[in-house]
PDB file of all heavy atoms in Angstrom:
ATOM      1  N   ARG A   1       3.591 -12.003 -19.792  1.00  0.00           N
ATOM      2  CA  ARG A   1       4.043 -12.282 -18.458  1.00  0.00           C
ATOM      3  C   ARG A   1       5.550 -12.181 -18.331  1.00  0.00           C
ATOM      4  O   ARG A   1       6.036 -11.821 -17.220  1.00  0.00           O
ATOM      5  CB  ARG A   1       3.571 -13.630 -17.991  1.00  0.00           C
ATOM      6  CG  ARG A   1       2.035 -13.811 -17.990  1.00  0.00           C
ATOM      7  CD  ARG A   1       1.664 -15.125 -17.357  1.00  0.00           C
ATOM      8  NE  ARG A   1       2.094 -16.273 -18.065  1.00  0.00           N
ATOM      9  CZ  ARG A   1       2.934 -17.172 -17.592  1.00  0.00           C
ATOM     10  NH1 ARG A   1       3.398 -17.094 -16.319  1.00  0.00           N
ATOM     11  NH2 ARG A   1       3.336 -18.216 -18.320  1.00  0.00           N
ATOM     12  N   PHE A   2       6.276 -12.534 -19.316  1.00  0.00           N
ATOM     13  CA  PHE A   2       7.714 -12.627 -19.312  1.00  0.00           C
ATOM     14  C   PHE A   2       8.299 -11.494 -20.136  1.00  0.00           C
ATOM     15  O   PHE A   2       7.725 -11.106 -21.227  1.00  0.00           O
ATOM     16  CB  PHE A   2       8.251 -13.933 -19.834  1.00  0.00           C
ATOM     17  CG  PHE A   2       8.005 -15.147 -18.975  1.00  0.00           C
ATOM     18  CD1 PHE A   2       7.132 -15.062 -17.907  1.00  0.00           C
ATOM     19  CD2 PHE A   2       8.614 -16.354 -19.277  1.00  0.00           C
ATOM     20  CE1 PHE A   2       6.883 -16.158 -17.072  1.00  0.00           C
ATOM     21  CE2 PHE A   2       8.367 -17.433 -18.504  1.00  0.00           C
ATOM     22  CZ  PHE A   2       7.559 -17.383 -17.399  1.00  0.00           C
ATOM     23  N   THR A   3       9.381 -10.909 -19.759  1.00  0.00           N
ATOM     24  CA  THR A   3      10.147  -9.895 -20.562  1.00  0.00           C
ATOM     25  C   THR A   3      11.572 -10.280 -20.681  1.00  0.00           C
ATOM     26  O   THR A   3      12.250 -10.461 -19.660  1.00  0.00           O
ATOM     27  CB  THR A   3       9.979  -8.543 -19.907  1.00  0.00           C
ATOM     28  OG1 THR A   3       8.602  -8.158 -19.755  1.00  0.00           O
ATOM     29  CG2 THR A   3      10.684  -7.459 -20.748  1.00  0.00           C
ATOM     30  N   ILE A   4      12.031 -10.361 -21.891  1.00  0.00           N
ATOM     31  CA  ILE A   4      13.460 -10.678 -22.125  1.00  0.00           C
ATOM     32  C   ILE A   4      14.178  -9.313 -22.408  1.00  0.00           C
ATOM     33  O   ILE A   4      13.688  -8.460 -23.071  1.00  0.00           O
ATOM     34  CB  ILE A   4      13.681 -11.702 -23.278  1.00  0.00           C
ATOM     35  CG1 ILE A   4      15.142 -12.151 -23.372  1.00  0.00           C
ATOM     36  CG2 ILE A   4      13.191 -11.128 -24.608  1.00  0.00           C
ATOM     37  CD1 ILE A   4      15.318 -13.372 -24.252  1.00  0.00           C
ATOM     38  N   SER A   5      15.414  -9.240 -21.979  1.00  0.00           N
ATOM     39  CA  SER A   5      16.239  -8.055 -22.157  1.00  0.00           C
ATOM     40  C   SER A   5      17.716  -8.474 -22.123  1.00  0.00           C
ATOM     41  O   SER A   5      18.049  -9.509 -21.680  1.00  0.00           O
ATOM     42  CB  SER A   5      15.884  -6.938 -21.152  1.00  0.00           C
ATOM     43  OG  SER A   5      16.184  -7.383 -19.846  1.00  0.00           O
ATOM     44  N   ARG A   6      18.546  -7.545 -22.650  1.00  0.00           N
ATOM     45  CA  ARG A   6      19.973  -7.816 -22.540  1.00  0.00           C
ATOM     46  C   ARG A   6      20.726  -6.469 -22.344  1.00  0.00           C
ATOM     47  O   ARG A   6      20.245  -5.413 -22.727  1.00  0.00           O
ATOM     48  CB  ARG A   6      20.478  -8.482 -23.853  1.00  0.00           C
ATOM     49  CG  ARG A   6      20.238  -7.654 -25.133  1.00  0.00           C
ATOM     50  CD  ARG A   6      20.506  -8.488 -26.316  1.00  0.00           C
ATOM     51  NE  ARG A   6      21.897  -8.844 -26.500  1.00  0.00           N
ATOM     52  CZ  ARG A   6      22.373  -9.804 -27.426  1.00  0.00           C
ATOM     53  NH1 ARG A   6      21.565 -10.395 -28.130  1.00  0.00           N
ATOM     54  NH2 ARG A   6      23.678 -10.020 -27.390  1.00  0.00           N
ATOM     55  N   ASP A   7      21.833  -6.635 -21.627  1.00  0.00           N
ATOM     56  CA  ASP A   7      22.718  -5.487 -21.380  1.00  0.00           C
ATOM     57  C   ASP A   7      24.012  -5.864 -22.131  1.00  0.00           C
ATOM     58  O   ASP A   7      24.840  -6.622 -21.629  1.00  0.00           O
ATOM     59  CB  ASP A   7      22.977  -5.302 -19.905  1.00  0.00           C
ATOM     60  CG  ASP A   7      23.771  -4.093 -19.577  1.00  0.00           C
ATOM     61  OD1 ASP A   7      24.569  -3.661 -20.457  1.00  0.00           O
ATOM     62  OD2 ASP A   7      23.645  -3.592 -18.421  1.00  0.00           O
ATOM     63  N   ASN A   8      24.180  -5.237 -23.308  1.00  0.00           N
ATOM     64  CA  ASN A   8      25.355  -5.581 -24.121  1.00  0.00           C
ATOM     65  C   ASN A   8      26.682  -5.134 -23.497  1.00  0.00           C
ATOM     66  O   ASN A   8      27.723  -5.785 -23.677  1.00  0.00           O
ATOM     67  CB  ASN A   8      25.200  -4.938 -25.528  1.00  0.00           C
ATOM     68  CG  ASN A   8      24.091  -5.573 -26.314  1.00  0.00           C
ATOM     69  OD1 ASN A   8      23.800  -6.782 -26.144  1.00  0.00           O
ATOM     70  ND2 ASN A   8      23.491  -4.796 -27.278  1.00  0.00           N
ATOM     71  N   ALA A   9      26.622  -4.055 -22.729  1.00  0.00           N
ATOM     72  CA  ALA A   9      27.862  -3.588 -22.035  1.00  0.00           C
ATOM     73  C   ALA A   9      28.310  -4.578 -20.997  1.00  0.00           C
ATOM     74  O   ALA A   9      29.485  -4.783 -20.719  1.00  0.00           O
ATOM     75  CB  ALA A   9      27.615  -2.281 -21.385  1.00  0.00           C
ATOM     76  N   LYS A  10      27.379  -5.312 -20.354  1.00  0.00           N
ATOM     77  CA  LYS A  10      27.687  -6.284 -19.313  1.00  0.00           C
ATOM     78  C   LYS A  10      27.689  -7.703 -19.886  1.00  0.00           C
ATOM     79  O   LYS A  10      27.974  -8.629 -19.139  1.00  0.00           O
ATOM     80  CB  LYS A  10      26.709  -6.143 -18.206  1.00  0.00           C
ATOM     81  CG  LYS A  10      26.810  -4.874 -17.378  1.00  0.00           C
ATOM     82  CD  LYS A  10      25.824  -4.913 -16.180  1.00  0.00           C
ATOM     83  CE  LYS A  10      25.968  -3.625 -15.392  1.00  0.00           C
ATOM     84  NZ  LYS A  10      25.034  -3.660 -14.246  1.00  0.00           N
ATOM     85  N   ASN A  11      27.366  -7.869 -21.146  1.00  0.00           N
ATOM     86  CA  ASN A  11      27.240  -9.241 -21.749  1.00  0.00           C
ATOM     87  C   ASN A  11      26.307 -10.145 -20.867  1.00  0.00           C
ATOM     88  O   ASN A  11      26.645 -11.279 -20.600  1.00  0.00           O
ATOM     89  CB  ASN A  11      28.664  -9.863 -21.899  1.00  0.00           C
ATOM     90  CG  ASN A  11      29.447  -9.223 -22.930  1.00  0.00           C
ATOM     91  OD1 ASN A  11      28.977  -8.776 -23.986  1.00  0.00           O
ATOM     92  ND2 ASN A  11      30.753  -9.089 -22.703  1.00  0.00           N
ATOM     93  N   THR A  12      25.185  -9.589 -20.514  1.00  0.00           N
ATOM     94  CA  THR A  12      24.256 -10.330 -19.649  1.00  0.00           C
ATOM     95  C   THR A  12      22.852 -10.281 -20.261  1.00  0.00           C
ATOM     96  O   THR A  12      22.423  -9.293 -20.802  1.00  0.00           O
ATOM     97  CB  THR A  12      24.222  -9.663 -18.267  1.00  0.00           C
ATOM     98  OG1 THR A  12      25.507  -9.664 -17.727  1.00  0.00           O
ATOM     99  CG2 THR A  12      23.319 -10.465 -17.370  1.00  0.00           C
ATOM    100  N   LEU A  13      22.207 -11.442 -20.183  1.00  0.00           N
ATOM    101  CA  LEU A  13      20.856 -11.684 -20.597  1.00  0.00           C
ATOM    102  C   LEU A  13      19.964 -11.814 -19.446  1.00  0.00           C
ATOM    103  O   LEU A  13      20.358 -12.453 -18.432  1.00  0.00           O
ATOM    104  CB  LEU A  13      20.805 -12.891 -21.491  1.00  0.00           C
ATOM    105  CG  LEU A  13      19.418 -13.320 -21.969  1.00  0.00           C
ATOM    106  CD1 LEU A  13      18.969 -12.387 -23.151  1.00  0.00           C
ATOM    107  CD2 LEU A  13      19.498 -14.726 -22.512  1.00  0.00           C
ATOM    108  N   TYR A  14      18.735 -11.289 -19.544  1.00  0.00           N
ATOM    109  CA  TYR A  14      17.820 -11.352 -18.373  1.00  0.00           C
ATOM    110  C   TYR A  14      16.422 -11.927 -18.830  1.00  0.00           C
ATOM    111  O   TYR A  14      16.043 -11.742 -20.031  1.00  0.00           O
ATOM    112  CB  TYR A  14      17.526  -9.987 -17.777  1.00  0.00           C
ATOM    113  CG  TYR A  14      18.806  -9.244 -17.279  1.00  0.00           C
ATOM    114  CD1 TYR A  14      19.423  -8.292 -18.019  1.00  0.00           C
ATOM    115  CD2 TYR A  14      19.253  -9.586 -16.021  1.00  0.00           C
ATOM    116  CE1 TYR A  14      20.527  -7.749 -17.576  1.00  0.00           C
ATOM    117  CE2 TYR A  14      20.407  -8.951 -15.551  1.00  0.00           C
ATOM    118  CZ  TYR A  14      21.046  -8.045 -16.305  1.00  0.00           C
ATOM    119  OH  TYR A  14      22.164  -7.406 -15.828  1.00  0.00           O
ATOM    120  N   LEU A  15      15.733 -12.474 -17.961  1.00  0.00           N
ATOM    121  CA  LEU A  15      14.315 -12.853 -18.147  1.00  0.00           C
ATOM    122  C   LEU A  15      13.556 -12.545 -16.903  1.00  0.00           C
ATOM    123  O   LEU A  15      13.656 -13.150 -15.879  1.00  0.00           O
ATOM    124  CB  LEU A  15      14.218 -14.399 -18.430  1.00  0.00           C
ATOM    125  CG  LEU A  15      12.805 -14.824 -18.831  1.00  0.00           C
ATOM    126  CD1 LEU A  15      12.361 -14.245 -20.168  1.00  0.00           C
ATOM    127  CD2 LEU A  15      12.762 -16.353 -18.848  1.00  0.00           C
ATOM    128  N   GLN A  16      12.717 -11.440 -16.990  1.00  0.00           N
ATOM    129  CA  GLN A  16      11.833 -11.107 -15.890  1.00  0.00           C
ATOM    130  C   GLN A  16      10.530 -11.839 -16.056  1.00  0.00           C
ATOM    131  O   GLN A  16       9.832 -11.715 -17.052  1.00  0.00           O
ATOM    132  CB  GLN A  16      11.594  -9.549 -15.934  1.00  0.00           C
ATOM    133  CG  GLN A  16      10.681  -9.122 -14.820  1.00  0.00           C
ATOM    134  CD  GLN A  16      11.284  -9.219 -13.495  1.00  0.00           C
ATOM    135  OE1 GLN A  16      12.363  -8.737 -13.239  1.00  0.00           O
ATOM    136  NE2 GLN A  16      10.609  -9.887 -12.542  1.00  0.00           N
ATOM    137  N   MET A  17      10.170 -12.633 -15.039  1.00  0.00           N
ATOM    138  CA  MET A  17       9.028 -13.432 -15.079  1.00  0.00           C
ATOM    139  C   MET A  17       8.049 -12.963 -13.991  1.00  0.00           C
ATOM    140  O   MET A  17       8.403 -12.914 -12.824  1.00  0.00           O
ATOM    141  CB  MET A  17       9.358 -14.958 -14.894  1.00  0.00           C
ATOM    142  CG  MET A  17      10.398 -15.399 -15.869  1.00  0.00           C
ATOM    143  SD  MET A  17      10.734 -17.174 -15.641  1.00  0.00           S
ATOM    144  CE  MET A  17      11.580 -17.152 -14.005  1.00  0.00           C
ATOM    145  N   ILE A  18       6.806 -12.659 -14.343  1.00  0.00           N
ATOM    146  CA  ILE A  18       5.724 -12.317 -13.377  1.00  0.00           C
ATOM    147  C   ILE A  18       4.544 -13.224 -13.567  1.00  0.00           C
ATOM    148  O   ILE A  18       4.394 -13.933 -14.560  1.00  0.00           O
ATOM    149  CB  ILE A  18       5.317 -10.859 -13.545  1.00  0.00           C
ATOM    150  CG1 ILE A  18       4.660 -10.602 -14.868  1.00  0.00           C
ATOM    151  CG2 ILE A  18       6.558  -9.901 -13.351  1.00  0.00           C
ATOM    152  CD1 ILE A  18       4.075  -9.253 -15.059  1.00  0.00           C
ATOM    153  N   THR A  19       3.667 -13.200 -12.597  1.00  0.00           N
ATOM    154  CA  THR A  19       2.463 -14.018 -12.621  1.00  0.00           C
ATOM    155  C   THR A  19       2.761 -15.439 -12.977  1.00  0.00           C
ATOM    156  O   THR A  19       2.157 -16.029 -13.847  1.00  0.00           O
ATOM    157  CB  THR A  19       1.427 -13.434 -13.626  1.00  0.00           C
ATOM    158  OG1 THR A  19       1.374 -11.983 -13.491  1.00  0.00           O
ATOM    159  CG2 THR A  19       0.013 -13.933 -13.269  1.00  0.00           C
ATOM    160  N   LEU A  20       3.727 -16.025 -12.271  1.00  0.00           N
ATOM    161  CA  LEU A  20       4.219 -17.322 -12.561  1.00  0.00           C
ATOM    162  C   LEU A  20       3.138 -18.402 -12.258  1.00  0.00           C
ATOM    163  O   LEU A  20       2.342 -18.240 -11.346  1.00  0.00           O
ATOM    164  CB  LEU A  20       5.428 -17.650 -11.766  1.00  0.00           C
ATOM    165  CG  LEU A  20       6.701 -17.061 -12.339  1.00  0.00           C
ATOM    166  CD1 LEU A  20       7.791 -16.995 -11.260  1.00  0.00           C
ATOM    167  CD2 LEU A  20       7.175 -17.817 -13.555  1.00  0.00           C
ATOM    168  N   LYS A  21       3.110 -19.442 -13.090  1.00  0.00           N
ATOM    169  CA  LYS A  21       2.129 -20.487 -12.967  1.00  0.00           C
ATOM    170  C   LYS A  21       2.872 -21.844 -12.786  1.00  0.00           C
ATOM    171  O   LYS A  21       4.050 -21.957 -13.144  1.00  0.00           O
ATOM    172  CB  LYS A  21       1.308 -20.623 -14.245  1.00  0.00           C
ATOM    173  CG  LYS A  21       0.597 -19.356 -14.688  1.00  0.00           C
ATOM    174  CD  LYS A  21      -0.070 -19.554 -16.043  1.00  0.00           C
ATOM    175  CE  LYS A  21      -0.796 -18.309 -16.509  1.00  0.00           C
ATOM    176  NZ  LYS A  21      -1.440 -18.531 -17.818  1.00  0.00           N
ATOM    177  N   PRO A  22       2.191 -22.792 -12.175  1.00  0.00           N
ATOM    178  CA  PRO A  22       2.830 -24.150 -12.010  1.00  0.00           C
ATOM    179  C   PRO A  22       3.363 -24.700 -13.337  1.00  0.00           C
ATOM    180  O   PRO A  22       4.355 -25.385 -13.309  1.00  0.00           O
ATOM    181  CB  PRO A  22       1.725 -24.977 -11.443  1.00  0.00           C
ATOM    182  CG  PRO A  22       0.870 -24.001 -10.683  1.00  0.00           C
ATOM    183  CD  PRO A  22       0.824 -22.789 -11.489  1.00  0.00           C
ATOM    184  N   GLU A  23       2.710 -24.405 -14.380  1.00  0.00           N
ATOM    185  CA  GLU A  23       3.111 -24.857 -15.715  1.00  0.00           C
ATOM    186  C   GLU A  23       4.466 -24.284 -16.148  1.00  0.00           C
ATOM    187  O   GLU A  23       5.069 -24.746 -17.122  1.00  0.00           O
ATOM    188  CB  GLU A  23       2.092 -24.567 -16.810  1.00  0.00           C
ATOM    189  CG  GLU A  23       0.642 -25.096 -16.495  1.00  0.00           C
ATOM    190  CD  GLU A  23      -0.166 -24.071 -15.688  1.00  0.00           C
ATOM    191  OE1 GLU A  23      -0.806 -23.222 -16.337  1.00  0.00           O
ATOM    192  OE2 GLU A  23      -0.089 -24.096 -14.488  1.00  0.00           O
ATOM    193  N   ASP A  24       4.968 -23.268 -15.485  1.00  0.00           N
ATOM    194  CA  ASP A  24       6.229 -22.670 -15.775  1.00  0.00           C
ATOM    195  C   ASP A  24       7.408 -23.392 -15.114  1.00  0.00           C
ATOM    196  O   ASP A  24       8.546 -23.090 -15.398  1.00  0.00           O
ATOM    197  CB  ASP A  24       6.277 -21.194 -15.344  1.00  0.00           C
ATOM    198  CG  ASP A  24       5.269 -20.313 -16.073  1.00  0.00           C
ATOM    199  OD1 ASP A  24       5.127 -20.455 -17.309  1.00  0.00           O
ATOM    200  OD2 ASP A  24       4.638 -19.509 -15.420  1.00  0.00           O
ATOM    201  N   THR A  25       7.057 -24.370 -14.325  1.00  0.00           N
ATOM    202  CA  THR A  25       8.077 -25.147 -13.668  1.00  0.00           C
ATOM    203  C   THR A  25       8.981 -25.889 -14.656  1.00  0.00           C
ATOM    204  O   THR A  25       8.461 -26.656 -15.503  1.00  0.00           O
ATOM    205  CB  THR A  25       7.477 -26.132 -12.668  1.00  0.00           C
ATOM    206  OG1 THR A  25       6.826 -25.452 -11.644  1.00  0.00           O
ATOM    207  CG2 THR A  25       8.593 -27.053 -12.025  1.00  0.00           C
ATOM    208  N   ALA A  26      10.249 -25.687 -14.636  1.00  0.00           N
ATOM    209  CA  ALA A  26      11.165 -26.290 -15.576  1.00  0.00           C
ATOM    210  C   ALA A  26      12.607 -25.859 -15.239  1.00  0.00           C
ATOM    211  O   ALA A  26      12.792 -25.004 -14.422  1.00  0.00           O
ATOM    212  CB  ALA A  26      10.855 -25.872 -17.030  1.00  0.00           C
ATOM    213  N   VAL A  27      13.578 -26.515 -15.896  1.00  0.00           N
ATOM    214  CA  VAL A  27      14.948 -26.022 -15.908  1.00  0.00           C
ATOM    215  C   VAL A  27      15.026 -25.041 -17.037  1.00  0.00           C
ATOM    216  O   VAL A  27      14.686 -25.341 -18.184  1.00  0.00           O
ATOM    217  CB  VAL A  27      15.979 -27.196 -16.080  1.00  0.00           C
ATOM    218  CG1 VAL A  27      17.367 -26.592 -16.129  1.00  0.00           C
ATOM    219  CG2 VAL A  27      15.823 -28.146 -14.909  1.00  0.00           C
ATOM    220  N   TYR A  28      15.528 -23.854 -16.797  1.00  0.00           N
ATOM    221  CA  TYR A  28      15.660 -22.787 -17.742  1.00  0.00           C
ATOM    222  C   TYR A  28      17.099 -22.689 -18.204  1.00  0.00           C
ATOM    223  O   TYR A  28      18.014 -22.581 -17.362  1.00  0.00           O
ATOM    224  CB  TYR A  28      15.166 -21.467 -17.194  1.00  0.00           C
ATOM    225  CG  TYR A  28      13.643 -21.317 -17.131  1.00  0.00           C
ATOM    226  CD1 TYR A  28      12.921 -22.117 -16.190  1.00  0.00           C
ATOM    227  CD2 TYR A  28      12.920 -20.557 -18.000  1.00  0.00           C
ATOM    228  CE1 TYR A  28      11.570 -22.046 -16.178  1.00  0.00           C
ATOM    229  CE2 TYR A  28      11.563 -20.483 -17.970  1.00  0.00           C
ATOM    230  CZ  TYR A  28      10.823 -21.207 -17.027  1.00  0.00           C
ATOM    231  OH  TYR A  28       9.531 -21.138 -16.982  1.00  0.00           O
ATOM    232  N   TYR A  29      17.281 -22.712 -19.465  1.00  0.00           N
ATOM    233  CA  TYR A  29      18.638 -22.646 -20.077  1.00  0.00           C
ATOM    234  C   TYR A  29      18.879 -21.423 -20.934  1.00  0.00           C
ATOM    235  O   TYR A  29      18.003 -21.010 -21.711  1.00  0.00           O
ATOM    236  CB  TYR A  29      18.836 -23.904 -20.994  1.00  0.00           C
ATOM    237  CG  TYR A  29      18.812 -25.186 -20.324  1.00  0.00           C
ATOM    238  CD1 TYR A  29      17.632 -25.903 -20.167  1.00  0.00           C
ATOM    239  CD2 TYR A  29      19.966 -25.783 -19.751  1.00  0.00           C
ATOM    240  CE1 TYR A  29      17.596 -27.156 -19.614  1.00  0.00           C
ATOM    241  CE2 TYR A  29      19.934 -26.982 -19.150  1.00  0.00           C
ATOM    242  CZ  TYR A  29      18.683 -27.651 -19.045  1.00  0.00           C
ATOM    243  OH  TYR A  29      18.710 -28.906 -18.440  1.00  0.00           O
ATOM    244  N   CYS A  30      20.032 -20.832 -20.766  1.00  0.00           N
ATOM    245  CA  CYS A  30      20.493 -19.683 -21.599  1.00  0.00           C
ATOM    246  C   CYS A  30      21.092 -20.260 -22.866  1.00  0.00           C
ATOM    247  O   CYS A  30      21.855 -21.235 -22.856  1.00  0.00           O
ATOM    248  CB  CYS A  30      21.436 -18.822 -20.819  1.00  0.00           C
ATOM    249  SG  CYS A  30      22.067 -17.413 -21.732  1.00  0.00           S
ATOM    250  N   ASN A  31      20.804 -19.602 -24.022  1.00  0.00           N
ATOM    251  CA  ASN A  31      21.322 -20.046 -25.266  1.00  0.00           C
ATOM    252  C   ASN A  31      21.870 -18.902 -26.068  1.00  0.00           C
ATOM    253  O   ASN A  31      21.304 -17.760 -26.037  1.00  0.00           O
ATOM    254  CB  ASN A  31      20.226 -20.782 -26.131  1.00  0.00           C
ATOM    255  CG  ASN A  31      20.573 -21.038 -27.514  1.00  0.00           C
ATOM    256  OD1 ASN A  31      20.347 -20.181 -28.415  1.00  0.00           O
ATOM    257  ND2 ASN A  31      21.203 -22.179 -27.804  1.00  0.00           N
ATOM    258  N   LEU A  32      22.965 -19.094 -26.855  1.00  0.00           N
ATOM    259  CA  LEU A  32      23.468 -18.148 -27.730  1.00  0.00           C
ATOM    260  C   LEU A  32      23.871 -18.785 -29.047  1.00  0.00           C
ATOM    261  O   LEU A  32      24.470 -19.824 -29.066  1.00  0.00           O
ATOM    262  CB  LEU A  32      24.789 -17.477 -27.131  1.00  0.00           C
ATOM    263  CG  LEU A  32      25.466 -16.393 -27.951  1.00  0.00           C
ATOM    264  CD1 LEU A  32      26.125 -15.338 -27.045  1.00  0.00           C
ATOM    265  CD2 LEU A  32      26.464 -16.929 -28.903  1.00  0.00           C
ATOM    266  N   ARG A  33      23.446 -18.128 -30.114  1.00  0.00           N
ATOM    267  CA  ARG A  33      23.874 -18.578 -31.439  1.00  0.00           C
ATOM    268  C   ARG A  33      24.326 -17.371 -32.253  1.00  0.00           C
ATOM    269  O   ARG A  33      23.818 -16.307 -32.135  1.00  0.00           O
ATOM    270  CB  ARG A  33      22.712 -19.324 -32.212  1.00  0.00           C
ATOM    271  CG  ARG A  33      21.514 -18.411 -32.570  1.00  0.00           C
ATOM    272  CD  ARG A  33      20.562 -19.275 -33.429  1.00  0.00           C
ATOM    273  NE  ARG A  33      19.341 -18.547 -33.740  1.00  0.00           N
ATOM    274  CZ  ARG A  33      19.264 -17.667 -34.785  1.00  0.00           C
ATOM    275  NH1 ARG A  33      20.291 -17.522 -35.617  1.00  0.00           N
ATOM    276  NH2 ARG A  33      18.088 -17.065 -35.047  1.00  0.00           N
ATOM    277  N   PHE A  34      25.263 -17.634 -33.084  1.00  0.00           N
ATOM    278  CA  PHE A  34      25.803 -16.567 -33.950  1.00  0.00           C
ATOM    279  C   PHE A  34      24.966 -16.405 -35.221  1.00  0.00           C
ATOM    280  O   PHE A  34      24.381 -17.330 -35.673  1.00  0.00           O
ATOM    281  CB  PHE A  34      27.312 -16.812 -34.300  1.00  0.00           C
ATOM    282  CG  PHE A  34      28.152 -16.662 -33.042  1.00  0.00           C
ATOM    283  CD1 PHE A  34      28.850 -17.818 -32.517  1.00  0.00           C
ATOM    284  CD2 PHE A  34      28.354 -15.497 -32.387  1.00  0.00           C
ATOM    285  CE1 PHE A  34      29.649 -17.738 -31.423  1.00  0.00           C
ATOM    286  CE2 PHE A  34      29.144 -15.382 -31.250  1.00  0.00           C
ATOM    287  CZ  PHE A  34      29.772 -16.507 -30.783  1.00  0.00           C
ATOM    288  N   VAL A  35      25.098 -15.228 -35.854  1.00  0.00           N
ATOM    289  CA  VAL A  35      24.469 -14.980 -37.150  1.00  0.00           C
ATOM    290  C   VAL A  35      25.587 -14.530 -38.071  1.00  0.00           C
ATOM    291  O   VAL A  35      26.107 -13.441 -37.893  1.00  0.00           O
ATOM    292  CB  VAL A  35      23.377 -13.917 -36.999  1.00  0.00           C
ATOM    293  CG1 VAL A  35      22.802 -13.632 -38.373  1.00  0.00           C
ATOM    294  CG2 VAL A  35      22.260 -14.355 -36.021  1.00  0.00           C
ATOM    295  N   PRO A  36      25.851 -15.299 -39.138  1.00  0.00           N
ATOM    296  CA  PRO A  36      25.284 -16.521 -39.512  1.00  0.00           C
ATOM    297  C   PRO A  36      25.645 -17.635 -38.458  1.00  0.00           C
ATOM    298  O   PRO A  36      26.642 -17.527 -37.787  1.00  0.00           O
ATOM    299  CB  PRO A  36      25.885 -16.827 -40.883  1.00  0.00           C
ATOM    300  CG  PRO A  36      27.197 -16.162 -40.881  1.00  0.00           C
ATOM    301  CD  PRO A  36      26.885 -14.906 -40.150  1.00  0.00           C
ATOM    302  N   PRO A  37      24.781 -18.703 -38.364  1.00  0.00           N
ATOM    303  CA  PRO A  37      24.984 -19.657 -37.291  1.00  0.00           C
ATOM    304  C   PRO A  37      26.249 -20.538 -37.563  1.00  0.00           C
ATOM    305  O   PRO A  37      26.613 -20.856 -38.692  1.00  0.00           O
ATOM    306  CB  PRO A  37      23.722 -20.497 -37.393  1.00  0.00           C
ATOM    307  CG  PRO A  37      23.180 -20.351 -38.768  1.00  0.00           C
ATOM    308  CD  PRO A  37      23.597 -18.960 -39.144  1.00  0.00           C
ATOM    309  N   GLN A  38      26.868 -20.931 -36.436  1.00  0.00           N
ATOM    310  CA  GLN A  38      27.901 -21.909 -36.462  1.00  0.00           C
ATOM    311  C   GLN A  38      27.261 -23.354 -36.224  1.00  0.00           C
ATOM    312  O   GLN A  38      26.085 -23.388 -35.919  1.00  0.00           O
ATOM    313  CB  GLN A  38      28.924 -21.603 -35.333  1.00  0.00           C
ATOM    314  CG  GLN A  38      29.654 -20.295 -35.536  1.00  0.00           C
ATOM    315  CD  GLN A  38      30.685 -20.069 -34.442  1.00  0.00           C
ATOM    316  OE1 GLN A  38      30.686 -20.710 -33.434  1.00  0.00           O
ATOM    317  NE2 GLN A  38      31.580 -19.123 -34.703  1.00  0.00           N
ATOM    318  N   PRO A  39      28.048 -24.399 -36.444  1.00  0.00           N
ATOM    319  CA  PRO A  39      27.485 -25.691 -36.282  1.00  0.00           C
ATOM    320  C   PRO A  39      26.745 -25.976 -34.996  1.00  0.00           C
ATOM    321  O   PRO A  39      25.720 -26.669 -34.952  1.00  0.00           O
ATOM    322  CB  PRO A  39      28.644 -26.688 -36.544  1.00  0.00           C
ATOM    323  CG  PRO A  39      29.508 -25.892 -37.419  1.00  0.00           C
ATOM    324  CD  PRO A  39      29.395 -24.418 -36.923  1.00  0.00           C
ATOM    325  N   ASN A  40      27.305 -25.457 -33.908  1.00  0.00           N
ATOM    326  CA  ASN A  40      26.788 -25.712 -32.553  1.00  0.00           C
ATOM    327  C   ASN A  40      26.437 -24.387 -31.847  1.00  0.00           C
ATOM    328  O   ASN A  40      27.223 -23.443 -31.896  1.00  0.00           O
ATOM    329  CB  ASN A  40      27.733 -26.518 -31.713  1.00  0.00           C
ATOM    330  CG  ASN A  40      27.994 -27.922 -32.258  1.00  0.00           C
ATOM    331  OD1 ASN A  40      27.006 -28.586 -32.666  1.00  0.00           O
ATOM    332  ND2 ASN A  40      29.239 -28.311 -32.284  1.00  0.00           N
ATOM    333  N   ASP A  41      25.290 -24.417 -31.180  1.00  0.00           N
ATOM    334  CA  ASP A  41      24.931 -23.290 -30.317  1.00  0.00           C
ATOM    335  C   ASP A  41      25.689 -23.458 -28.942  1.00  0.00           C
ATOM    336  O   ASP A  41      26.245 -24.497 -28.694  1.00  0.00           O
ATOM    337  CB  ASP A  41      23.488 -23.298 -30.030  1.00  0.00           C
ATOM    338  CG  ASP A  41      22.645 -22.926 -31.256  1.00  0.00           C
ATOM    339  OD1 ASP A  41      23.180 -22.591 -32.262  1.00  0.00           O
ATOM    340  OD2 ASP A  41      21.358 -22.851 -31.072  1.00  0.00           O
TER     341      ASP A  41
END
């Protein structure tokens, strides 16, 4: 139902959500972590 994608040229992350359900209700947060990871995301 969901598709994640990114545009590296624009430094933008996307989440396309279809067929949404009431159970999908939430606050959605974007996250970034480095590889190798730093102490904090």
